[in-house]
Amino acid sequence: MTGLMIGTLALTNFQVDASTGEERPPNILLIVSDDQGYNDLGILRSDLMTPHLDRLAREGVRLTNFYMAWPACTPSRGAFLTGRYPQRNGTYDMFRNEAPD
């Protein structure tokens, strides 16, 4: 996938609920953008203004080194979402709209 996959993970320590005394799992939020180049954020280039994404990048965890399973977006997205190679999950080609215009 040629676009940058930006992951912002909101990780917290396991917290104890005061009313029940039970541990709660951390809240994790993963944001993935499509067809976004590495330098398409204001935090990486001064000529772009992306204040909300910049804040997410500053306050969260940025994943900046991804290796995808396929050079096209549909198979890469399928592999990313399923954890399986495109040949195993059936998304080894681009999904196209085959309906006539």
PDB file of N, CA and C in Angstrom:
ATOM      1  N   MET A   1       0.861  -1.164   0.000  1.00  0.00           N
ATOM      2  CA  MET A   1       0.000   0.000   0.000  1.00  0.00           C
ATOM      3  C   MET A   1       0.900   1.216   0.000  1.00  0.00           C
ATOM      4  N   THR A   2       0.649   2.109  -0.950  1.00  0.00           N
ATOM      5  CA  THR A   2       1.523   3.265  -1.071  1.00  0.00           C
ATOM      6  C   THR A   2       1.209   4.348  -0.059  1.00  0.00           C
ATOM      7  N   GLY A   3       0.023   4.374   0.439  1.00  0.00           N
ATOM      8  CA  GLY A   3      -0.345   5.392   1.430  1.00  0.00           C
ATOM      9  C   GLY A   3       0.216   5.071   2.796  1.00  0.00           C
ATOM     10  N   LEU A   4       0.392   6.086   3.537  1.00  0.00           N
ATOM     11  CA  LEU A   4       0.880   5.912   4.912  1.00  0.00           C
ATOM     12  C   LEU A   4      -0.267   5.487   5.809  1.00  0.00           C
ATOM     13  N   MET A   5      -0.040   4.490   6.593  1.00  0.00           N
ATOM     14  CA  MET A   5      -1.049   4.075   7.559  1.00  0.00           C
ATOM     15  C   MET A   5      -0.664   4.713   8.884  1.00  0.00           C
ATOM     16  N   ILE A   6      -1.501   5.598   9.290  1.00  0.00           N
ATOM     17  CA  ILE A   6      -1.212   6.308  10.537  1.00  0.00           C
ATOM     18  C   ILE A   6      -1.996   5.642  11.643  1.00  0.00           C
ATOM     19  N   GLY A   7      -1.287   5.177  12.592  1.00  0.00           N
ATOM     20  CA  GLY A   7      -1.948   4.553  13.732  1.00  0.00           C
ATOM     21  C   GLY A   7      -1.785   5.426  14.946  1.00  0.00           C
ATOM     22  N   THR A   8      -2.860   5.762  15.519  1.00  0.00           N
ATOM     23  CA  THR A   8      -2.812   6.492  16.777  1.00  0.00           C
ATOM     24  C   THR A   8      -3.423   5.589  17.820  1.00  0.00           C
ATOM     25  N   LEU A   9      -2.596   5.134  18.719  1.00  0.00           N
ATOM     26  CA  LEU A   9      -3.073   4.214  19.742  1.00  0.00           C
ATOM     27  C   LEU A   9      -3.175   4.965  21.055  1.00  0.00           C
ATOM     28  N   ALA A  10      -4.348   4.991  21.620  1.00  0.00           N
ATOM     29  CA  ALA A  10      -4.548   5.617  22.924  1.00  0.00           C
ATOM     30  C   ALA A  10      -4.405   4.513  23.962  1.00  0.00           C
ATOM     31  N   LEU A  11      -3.220   4.397  24.506  1.00  0.00           N
ATOM     32  CA  LEU A  11      -2.953   3.326  25.460  1.00  0.00           C
ATOM     33  C   LEU A  11      -2.959   3.884  26.874  1.00  0.00           C
ATOM     34  N   THR A  12      -3.605   3.199  27.733  1.00  0.00           N
ATOM     35  CA  THR A  12      -3.586   3.562  29.143  1.00  0.00           C
ATOM     36  C   THR A  12      -3.243   2.327  29.941  1.00  0.00           C
ATOM     37  N   ASN A  13      -2.782   2.517  31.141  1.00  0.00           N
ATOM     38  CA  ASN A  13      -2.550   1.373  32.018  1.00  0.00           C
ATOM     39  C   ASN A  13      -3.888   0.782  32.401  1.00  0.00           C
ATOM     40  N   PHE A  14      -3.859  -0.479  32.806  1.00  0.00           N
ATOM     41  CA  PHE A  14      -5.103  -1.077  33.277  1.00  0.00           C
ATOM     42  C   PHE A  14      -5.577  -0.271  34.473  1.00  0.00           C
ATOM     43  N   GLN A  15      -6.817   0.140  34.432  1.00  0.00           N
ATOM     44  CA  GLN A  15      -7.365   0.954  35.502  1.00  0.00           C
ATOM     45  C   GLN A  15      -8.322   0.109  36.327  1.00  0.00           C
ATOM     46  N   VAL A  16      -8.379   0.419  37.577  1.00  0.00           N
ATOM     47  CA  VAL A  16      -9.280  -0.303  38.470  1.00  0.00           C
ATOM     48  C   VAL A  16     -10.546   0.516  38.646  1.00  0.00           C
ATOM     49  N   ASP A  17     -11.686  -0.109  38.394  1.00  0.00           N
ATOM     50  CA  ASP A  17     -12.976   0.542  38.593  1.00  0.00           C
ATOM     51  C   ASP A  17     -13.239   0.615  40.091  1.00  0.00           C
ATOM     52  N   ALA A  18     -13.409   1.828  40.615  1.00  0.00           N
ATOM     53  CA  ALA A  18     -13.556   2.016  42.064  1.00  0.00           C
ATOM     54  C   ALA A  18     -14.808   1.344  42.615  1.00  0.00           C
ATOM     55  N   SER A  19     -15.865   1.275  41.811  1.00  0.00           N
ATOM     56  CA  SER A  19     -17.116   0.721  42.336  1.00  0.00           C
ATOM     57  C   SER A  19     -17.086  -0.803  42.432  1.00  0.00           C
ATOM     58  N   THR A  20     -16.398  -1.483  41.508  1.00  0.00           N
ATOM     59  CA  THR A  20     -16.394  -2.948  41.526  1.00  0.00           C
ATOM     60  C   THR A  20     -15.041  -3.536  41.875  1.00  0.00           C
ATOM     61  N   GLY A  21     -13.985  -2.742  41.792  1.00  0.00           N
ATOM     62  CA  GLY A  21     -12.646  -3.247  42.066  1.00  0.00           C
ATOM     63  C   GLY A  21     -12.083  -4.088  40.927  1.00  0.00           C
ATOM     64  N   GLU A  22     -12.740  -4.079  39.769  1.00  0.00           N
ATOM     65  CA  GLU A  22     -12.284  -4.873  38.625  1.00  0.00           C
ATOM     66  C   GLU A  22     -11.357  -4.045  37.741  1.00  0.00           C
ATOM     67  N   GLU A  23     -10.396  -4.735  37.118  1.00  0.00           N
ATOM     68  CA  GLU A  23      -9.522  -4.067  36.165  1.00  0.00           C
ATOM     69  C   GLU A  23     -10.246  -3.931  34.834  1.00  0.00           C
ATOM     70  N   ARG A  24     -10.047  -2.786  34.195  1.00  0.00           N
ATOM     71  CA  ARG A  24     -10.620  -2.556  32.874  1.00  0.00           C
ATOM     72  C   ARG A  24      -9.500  -2.614  31.849  1.00  0.00           C
ATOM     73  N   PRO A  25      -9.747  -3.179  30.682  1.00  0.00           N
ATOM     74  CA  PRO A  25      -8.713  -3.207  29.648  1.00  0.00           C
ATOM     75  C   PRO A  25      -8.469  -1.794  29.107  1.00  0.00           C
ATOM     76  N   PRO A  26      -7.312  -1.550  28.510  1.00  0.00           N
ATOM     77  CA  PRO A  26      -7.023  -0.217  27.977  1.00  0.00           C
ATOM     78  C   PRO A  26      -7.915   0.091  26.777  1.00  0.00           C
ATOM     79  N   ASN A  27      -8.150   1.366  26.547  1.00  0.00           N
ATOM     80  CA  ASN A  27      -8.872   1.809  25.356  1.00  0.00           C
ATOM     81  C   ASN A  27      -7.853   1.985  24.239  1.00  0.00           C
ATOM     82  N   ILE A  28      -8.070   1.318  23.117  1.00  0.00           N
ATOM     83  CA  ILE A  28      -7.156   1.404  21.978  1.00  0.00           C
ATOM     84  C   ILE A  28      -7.940   1.907  20.777  1.00  0.00           C
ATOM     85  N   LEU A  29      -7.439   2.966  20.156  1.00  0.00           N
ATOM     86  CA  LEU A  29      -8.056   3.542  18.975  1.00  0.00           C
ATOM     87  C   LEU A  29      -7.014   3.532  17.871  1.00  0.00           C
ATOM     88  N   LEU A  30      -7.301   2.861  16.776  1.00  0.00           N
ATOM     89  CA  LEU A  30      -6.390   2.787  15.637  1.00  0.00           C
ATOM     90  C   LEU A  30      -7.033   3.526  14.480  1.00  0.00           C
ATOM     91  N   ILE A  31      -6.377   4.568  14.001  1.00  0.00           N
ATOM     92  CA  ILE A  31      -6.887   5.362  12.889  1.00  0.00           C
ATOM     93  C   ILE A  31      -6.025   5.055  11.678  1.00  0.00           C
ATOM     94  N   VAL A  32      -6.665   4.635  10.603  1.00  0.00           N
ATOM     95  CA  VAL A  32      -5.958   4.283   9.370  1.00  0.00           C
ATOM     96  C   VAL A  32      -6.472   5.189   8.262  1.00  0.00           C
ATOM     97  N   SER A  33      -5.572   5.848   7.560  1.00  0.00           N
ATOM     98  CA  SER A  33      -5.984   6.694   6.438  1.00  0.00           C
ATOM     99  C   SER A  33      -5.547   6.030   5.137  1.00  0.00           C
ATOM    100  N   ASP A  34      -6.285   6.299   4.076  1.00  0.00           N
ATOM    101  CA  ASP A  34      -6.018   5.668   2.787  1.00  0.00           C
ATOM    102  C   ASP A  34      -5.429   6.689   1.823  1.00  0.00           C
ATOM    103  N   ASP A  35      -4.492   6.250   1.010  1.00  0.00           N
ATOM    104  CA  ASP A  35      -3.864   7.085  -0.019  1.00  0.00           C
ATOM    105  C   ASP A  35      -3.261   8.359   0.550  1.00  0.00           C
ATOM    106  N   GLN A  36      -2.622   8.255   1.674  1.00  0.00           N
ATOM    107  CA  GLN A  36      -1.961   9.399   2.289  1.00  0.00           C
ATOM    108  C   GLN A  36      -0.468   9.142   2.265  1.00  0.00           C
ATOM    109  N   GLY A  37       0.283  10.073   1.691  1.00  0.00           N
ATOM    110  CA  GLY A  37       1.727   9.948   1.646  1.00  0.00           C
ATOM    111  C   GLY A  37       2.355  10.243   2.992  1.00  0.00           C
ATOM    112  N   TYR A  38       3.605   9.843   3.135  1.00  0.00           N
ATOM    113  CA  TYR A  38       4.293  10.005   4.416  1.00  0.00           C
ATOM    114  C   TYR A  38       4.359  11.467   4.849  1.00  0.00           C
ATOM    115  N   ASN A  39       4.589  12.372   3.907  1.00  0.00           N
ATOM    116  CA  ASN A  39       4.736  13.793   4.247  1.00  0.00           C
ATOM    117  C   ASN A  39       3.436  14.581   4.131  1.00  0.00           C
ATOM    118  N   ASP A  40       2.299  13.922   4.166  1.00  0.00           N
ATOM    119  CA  ASP A  40       1.020  14.611   4.007  1.00  0.00           C
ATOM    120  C   ASP A  40       0.392  15.047   5.324  1.00  0.00           C
ATOM    121  N   LEU A  41       1.188  15.291   6.321  1.00  0.00           N
ATOM    122  CA  LEU A  41       0.725  15.814   7.607  1.00  0.00           C
ATOM    123  C   LEU A  41       1.524  17.062   7.948  1.00  0.00           C
ATOM    124  N   GLY A  42       0.861  18.010   8.584  1.00  0.00           N
ATOM    125  CA  GLY A  42       1.544  19.232   8.982  1.00  0.00           C
ATOM    126  C   GLY A  42       2.672  18.992   9.968  1.00  0.00           C
ATOM    127  N   ILE A  43       2.576  17.941  10.784  1.00  0.00           N
ATOM    128  CA  ILE A  43       3.618  17.654  11.768  1.00  0.00           C
ATOM    129  C   ILE A  43       4.938  17.266  11.084  1.00  0.00           C
ATOM    130  N   LEU A  44       4.852  16.844   9.820  1.00  0.00           N
ATOM    131  CA  LEU A  44       6.049  16.442   9.081  1.00  0.00           C
ATOM    132  C   LEU A  44       6.488  17.484   8.060  1.00  0.00           C
ATOM    133  N   ARG A  45       5.573  18.365   7.644  1.00  0.00           N
ATOM    134  CA  ARG A  45       5.886  19.419   6.678  1.00  0.00           C
ATOM    135  C   ARG A  45       5.295  20.723   7.182  1.00  0.00           C
ATOM    136  N   SER A  46       6.030  21.786   7.021  1.00  0.00           N
ATOM    137  CA  SER A  46       5.559  23.069   7.542  1.00  0.00           C
ATOM    138  C   SER A  46       4.564  23.756   6.610  1.00  0.00           C
ATOM    139  N   ASP A  47       4.439  23.320   5.354  1.00  0.00           N
ATOM    140  CA  ASP A  47       3.541  24.007   4.423  1.00  0.00           C
ATOM    141  C   ASP A  47       2.116  23.450   4.433  1.00  0.00           C
ATOM    142  N   LEU A  48       1.844  22.448   5.242  1.00  0.00           N
ATOM    143  CA  LEU A  48       0.499  21.889   5.348  1.00  0.00           C
ATOM    144  C   LEU A  48      -0.097  22.221   6.706  1.00  0.00           C
ATOM    145  N   MET A  49      -1.409  22.415   6.723  1.00  0.00           N
ATOM    146  CA  MET A  49      -2.085  22.698   7.988  1.00  0.00           C
ATOM    147  C   MET A  49      -3.065  21.568   8.283  1.00  0.00           C
ATOM    148  N   THR A  50      -2.702  20.705   9.201  1.00  0.00           N
ATOM    149  CA  THR A  50      -3.567  19.604   9.643  1.00  0.00           C
ATOM    150  C   THR A  50      -3.554  19.587  11.172  1.00  0.00           C
ATOM    151  N   PRO A  51      -4.128  20.597  11.811  1.00  0.00           N
ATOM    152  CA  PRO A  51      -3.977  20.742  13.263  1.00  0.00           C
ATOM    153  C   PRO A  51      -4.545  19.586  14.077  1.00  0.00           C
ATOM    154  N   HIS A  52      -5.671  19.027  13.665  1.00  0.00           N
ATOM    155  CA  HIS A  52      -6.279  17.952  14.449  1.00  0.00           C
ATOM    156  C   HIS A  52      -5.465  16.664  14.337  1.00  0.00           C
ATOM    157  N   LEU A  53      -5.012  16.351  13.121  1.00  0.00           N
ATOM    158  CA  LEU A  53      -4.168  15.166  12.945  1.00  0.00           C
ATOM    159  C   LEU A  53      -2.816  15.358  13.625  1.00  0.00           C
ATOM    160  N   ASP A  54      -2.297  16.585  13.592  1.00  0.00           N
ATOM    161  CA  ASP A  54      -1.027  16.866  14.264  1.00  0.00           C
ATOM    162  C   ASP A  54      -1.152  16.649  15.767  1.00  0.00           C
ATOM    163  N   ARG A  55      -2.272  17.063  16.329  1.00  0.00           N
ATOM    164  CA  ARG A  55      -2.480  16.869  17.769  1.00  0.00           C
ATOM    165  C   ARG A  55      -2.557  15.381  18.101  1.00  0.00           C
ATOM    166  N   LEU A  56      -3.286  14.614  17.291  1.00  0.00           N
ATOM    167  CA  LEU A  56      -3.340  13.165  17.496  1.00  0.00           C
ATOM    168  C   LEU A  56      -1.943  12.557  17.425  1.00  0.00           C
ATOM    169  N   ALA A  57      -1.149  13.007  16.469  1.00  0.00           N
ATOM    170  CA  ALA A  57       0.205  12.474  16.315  1.00  0.00           C
ATOM    171  C   ALA A  57       1.090  12.835  17.502  1.00  0.00           C
ATOM    172  N   ARG A  58       0.943  14.057  18.019  1.00  0.00           N
ATOM    173  CA  ARG A  58       1.756  14.479  19.160  1.00  0.00           C
ATOM    174  C   ARG A  58       1.374  13.756  20.446  1.00  0.00           C
ATOM    175  N   GLU A  59       0.073  13.546  20.654  1.00  0.00           N
ATOM    176  CA  GLU A  59      -0.399  12.995  21.923  1.00  0.00           C
ATOM    177  C   GLU A  59      -0.532  11.479  21.923  1.00  0.00           C
ATOM    178  N   GLY A  60      -0.462  10.868  20.761  1.00  0.00           N
ATOM    179  CA  GLY A  60      -0.635   9.418  20.675  1.00  0.00           C
ATOM    180  C   GLY A  60       0.668   8.725  20.328  1.00  0.00           C
ATOM    181  N   VAL A  61       0.533   7.532  19.856  1.00  0.00           N
ATOM    182  CA  VAL A  61       1.674   6.735  19.410  1.00  0.00           C
ATOM    183  C   VAL A  61       1.635   6.710  17.895  1.00  0.00           C
ATOM    184  N   ARG A  62       2.729   7.105  17.251  1.00  0.00           N
ATOM    185  CA  ARG A  62       2.788   7.091  15.790  1.00  0.00           C
ATOM    186  C   ARG A  62       3.531   5.850  15.334  1.00  0.00           C
ATOM    187  N   LEU A  63       2.901   5.107  14.447  1.00  0.00           N
ATOM    188  CA  LEU A  63       3.535   3.944  13.839  1.00  0.00           C
ATOM    189  C   LEU A  63       4.030   4.384  12.469  1.00  0.00           C
ATOM    190  N   THR A  64       5.341   4.442  12.294  1.00  0.00           N
ATOM    191  CA  THR A  64       5.901   5.042  11.085  1.00  0.00           C
ATOM    192  C   THR A  64       6.643   4.065  10.194  1.00  0.00           C
ATOM    193  N   ASN A  65       6.681   2.801  10.533  1.00  0.00           N
ATOM    194  CA  ASN A  65       7.466   1.857   9.748  1.00  0.00           C
ATOM    195  C   ASN A  65       6.621   0.616   9.465  1.00  0.00           C
ATOM    196  N   PHE A  66       5.865   0.669   8.381  1.00  0.00           N
ATOM    197  CA  PHE A  66       4.989  -0.436   8.019  1.00  0.00           C
ATOM    198  C   PHE A  66       5.525  -1.159   6.796  1.00  0.00           C
ATOM    199  N   TYR A  67       5.374  -2.449   6.775  1.00  0.00           N
ATOM    200  CA  TYR A  67       5.671  -3.266   5.604  1.00  0.00           C
ATOM    201  C   TYR A  67       4.383  -3.971   5.232  1.00  0.00           C
ATOM    202  N   MET A  68       3.905  -3.745   4.030  1.00  0.00           N
ATOM    203  CA  MET A  68       2.635  -4.329   3.617  1.00  0.00           C
ATOM    204  C   MET A  68       2.876  -5.569   2.767  1.00  0.00           C
ATOM    205  N   ALA A  69       1.853  -6.403   2.697  1.00  0.00           N
ATOM    206  CA  ALA A  69       1.961  -7.705   2.050  1.00  0.00           C
ATOM    207  C   ALA A  69       1.814  -7.643   0.532  1.00  0.00           C
ATOM    208  N   TRP A  70       1.376  -6.522  -0.009  1.00  0.00           N
ATOM    209  CA  TRP A  70       1.075  -6.443  -1.434  1.00  0.00           C
ATOM    210  C   TRP A  70       1.211  -4.996  -1.878  1.00  0.00           C
ATOM    211  N   PRO A  71       1.619  -4.719  -3.134  1.00  0.00           N
ATOM    212  CA  PRO A  71       1.806  -3.330  -3.561  1.00  0.00           C
ATOM    213  C   PRO A  71       0.522  -2.585  -3.925  1.00  0.00           C
ATOM    214  N   ALA A  72      -0.626  -3.238  -3.869  1.00  0.00           N
ATOM    215  CA  ALA A  72      -1.897  -2.582  -4.188  1.00  0.00           C
ATOM    216  C   ALA A  72      -2.729  -2.429  -2.918  1.00  0.00           C
ATOM    217  N   CYS A  73      -3.641  -1.447  -2.917  1.00  0.00           N
ATOM    218  CA  CYS A  73      -4.330  -1.111  -1.665  1.00  0.00           C
ATOM    219  C   CYS A  73      -5.340  -2.154  -1.202  1.00  0.00           C
ATOM    220  N   THR A  74      -6.133  -2.758  -2.096  1.00  0.00           N
ATOM    221  CA  THR A  74      -7.141  -3.720  -1.632  1.00  0.00           C
ATOM    222  C   THR A  74      -6.512  -4.935  -0.964  1.00  0.00           C
ATOM    223  N   PRO A  75      -5.531  -5.608  -1.592  1.00  0.00           N
ATOM    224  CA  PRO A  75      -4.911  -6.751  -0.911  1.00  0.00           C
ATOM    225  C   PRO A  75      -4.172  -6.353   0.366  1.00  0.00           C
ATOM    226  N   SER A  76      -3.536  -5.192   0.370  1.00  0.00           N
ATOM    227  CA  SER A  76      -2.834  -4.744   1.576  1.00  0.00           C
ATOM    228  C   SER A  76      -3.804  -4.482   2.709  1.00  0.00           C
ATOM    229  N   ARG A  77      -4.925  -3.841   2.386  1.00  0.00           N
ATOM    230  CA  ARG A  77      -5.934  -3.565   3.410  1.00  0.00           C
ATOM    231  C   ARG A  77      -6.524  -4.868   3.948  1.00  0.00           C
ATOM    232  N   GLY A  78      -6.788  -5.821   3.049  1.00  0.00           N
ATOM    233  CA  GLY A  78      -7.304  -7.114   3.489  1.00  0.00           C
ATOM    234  C   GLY A  78      -6.329  -7.839   4.395  1.00  0.00           C
ATOM    235  N   ALA A  79      -5.044  -7.792   4.060  1.00  0.00           N
ATOM    236  CA  ALA A  79      -4.026  -8.438   4.895  1.00  0.00           C
ATOM    237  C   ALA A  79      -3.909  -7.742   6.245  1.00  0.00           C
ATOM    238  N   PHE A  80      -3.959  -6.426   6.241  1.00  0.00           N
ATOM    239  CA  PHE A  80      -3.855  -5.659   7.480  1.00  0.00           C
ATOM    240  C   PHE A  80      -5.023  -5.952   8.416  1.00  0.00           C
ATOM    241  N   LEU A  81      -6.228  -6.018   7.859  1.00  0.00           N
ATOM    242  CA  LEU A  81      -7.421  -6.207   8.682  1.00  0.00           C
ATOM    243  C   LEU A  81      -7.619  -7.644   9.148  1.00  0.00           C
ATOM    244  N   THR A  82      -7.136  -8.621   8.361  1.00  0.00           N
ATOM    245  CA  THR A  82      -7.344 -10.026   8.734  1.00  0.00           C
ATOM    246  C   THR A  82      -6.121 -10.675   9.353  1.00  0.00           C
ATOM    247  N   GLY A  83      -4.934 -10.101   9.119  1.00  0.00           N
ATOM    248  CA  GLY A  83      -3.711 -10.729   9.613  1.00  0.00           C
ATOM    249  C   GLY A  83      -3.274 -11.902   8.754  1.00  0.00           C
ATOM    250  N   ARG A  84      -3.833 -12.019   7.565  1.00  0.00           N
ATOM    251  CA  ARG A  84      -3.503 -13.124   6.663  1.00  0.00           C
ATOM    252  C   ARG A  84      -2.993 -12.563   5.346  1.00  0.00           C
ATOM    253  N   TYR A  85      -2.094 -13.300   4.685  1.00  0.00           N
ATOM    254  CA  TYR A  85      -1.598 -12.892   3.374  1.00  0.00           C
ATOM    255  C   TYR A  85      -2.753 -12.810   2.380  1.00  0.00           C
ATOM    256  N   PRO A  86      -2.645 -11.937   1.355  1.00  0.00           N
ATOM    257  CA  PRO A  86      -3.723 -11.812   0.373  1.00  0.00           C
ATOM    258  C   PRO A  86      -4.084 -13.134  -0.310  1.00  0.00           C
ATOM    259  N   GLN A  87      -3.093 -13.993  -0.565  1.00  0.00           N
ATOM    260  CA  GLN A  87      -3.394 -15.273  -1.199  1.00  0.00           C
ATOM    261  C   GLN A  87      -4.265 -16.152  -0.302  1.00  0.00           C
ATOM    262  N   ARG A  88      -4.224 -15.912   1.009  1.00  0.00           N
ATOM    263  CA  ARG A  88      -5.006 -16.713   1.953  1.00  0.00           C
ATOM    264  C   ARG A  88      -6.371 -16.089   2.258  1.00  0.00           C
ATOM    265  N   ASN A  89      -6.477 -14.758   2.177  1.00  0.00           N
ATOM    266  CA  ASN A  89      -7.765 -14.135   2.509  1.00  0.00           C
ATOM    267  C   ASN A  89      -8.612 -13.812   1.279  1.00  0.00           C
ATOM    268  N   GLY A  90      -8.094 -14.063   0.077  1.00  0.00           N
ATOM    269  CA  GLY A  90      -8.876 -13.893  -1.145  1.00  0.00           C
ATOM    270  C   GLY A  90      -8.899 -12.495  -1.722  1.00  0.00           C
ATOM    271  N   THR A  91      -8.075 -11.589  -1.227  1.00  0.00           N
ATOM    272  CA  THR A  91      -8.040 -10.221  -1.757  1.00  0.00           C
ATOM    273  C   THR A  91      -6.731  -9.987  -2.486  1.00  0.00           C
ATOM    274  N   TYR A  92      -6.434 -10.809  -3.489  1.00  0.00           N
ATOM    275  CA  TYR A  92      -5.156 -10.713  -4.191  1.00  0.00           C
ATOM    276  C   TYR A  92      -5.229  -9.828  -5.429  1.00  0.00           C
ATOM    277  N   ASP A  93      -6.338  -9.148  -5.638  1.00  0.00           N
ATOM    278  CA  ASP A  93      -6.477  -8.228  -6.760  1.00  0.00           C
ATOM    279  C   ASP A  93      -7.268  -7.008  -6.286  1.00  0.00           C
ATOM    280  N   MET A  94      -7.209  -5.950  -7.068  1.00  0.00           N
ATOM    281  CA  MET A  94      -7.954  -4.736  -6.730  1.00  0.00           C
ATOM    282  C   MET A  94      -9.442  -4.978  -6.922  1.00  0.00           C
ATOM    283  N   PHE A  95     -10.260  -4.533  -5.971  1.00  0.00           N
ATOM    284  CA  PHE A  95     -11.711  -4.593  -6.155  1.00  0.00           C
ATOM    285  C   PHE A  95     -12.094  -3.453  -7.089  1.00  0.00           C
ATOM    286  N   ARG A  96     -12.817  -3.793  -8.114  1.00  0.00           N
ATOM    287  CA  ARG A  96     -13.227  -2.787  -9.093  1.00  0.00           C
ATOM    288  C   ARG A  96     -14.743  -2.814  -9.233  1.00  0.00           C
ATOM    289  N   ASN A  97     -15.290  -1.681  -9.563  1.00  0.00           N
ATOM    290  CA  ASN A  97     -16.717  -1.605  -9.841  1.00  0.00           C
ATOM    291  C   ASN A  97     -16.919  -2.069 -11.275  1.00  0.00           C
ATOM    292  N   GLU A  98     -17.488  -3.240 -11.460  1.00  0.00           N
ATOM    293  CA  GLU A  98     -17.664  -3.818 -12.793  1.00  0.00           C
ATOM    294  C   GLU A  98     -18.964  -3.373 -13.460  1.00  0.00           C
ATOM    295  N   ALA A  99     -19.768  -2.577 -12.790  1.00  0.00           N
ATOM    296  CA  ALA A  99     -21.027  -2.117 -13.374  1.00  0.00           C
ATOM    297  C   ALA A  99     -20.747  -1.086 -14.461  1.00  0.00           C
ATOM    298  N   PRO A 100     -21.452  -1.170 -15.580  1.00  0.00           N
ATOM    299  CA  PRO A 100     -21.239  -0.172 -16.645  1.00  0.00           C
ATOM    300  C   PRO A 100     -21.725   1.205 -16.202  1.00  0.00           C
ATOM    301  N   ASP A 101     -21.113   2.231 -16.764  1.00  0.00           N
ATOM    302  CA  ASP A 101     -21.514   3.610 -16.456  1.00  0.00           C
ATOM    303  C   ASP A 101     -22.831   3.957 -17.108  1.00  0.00           C
TER     304      ASP A 101
END
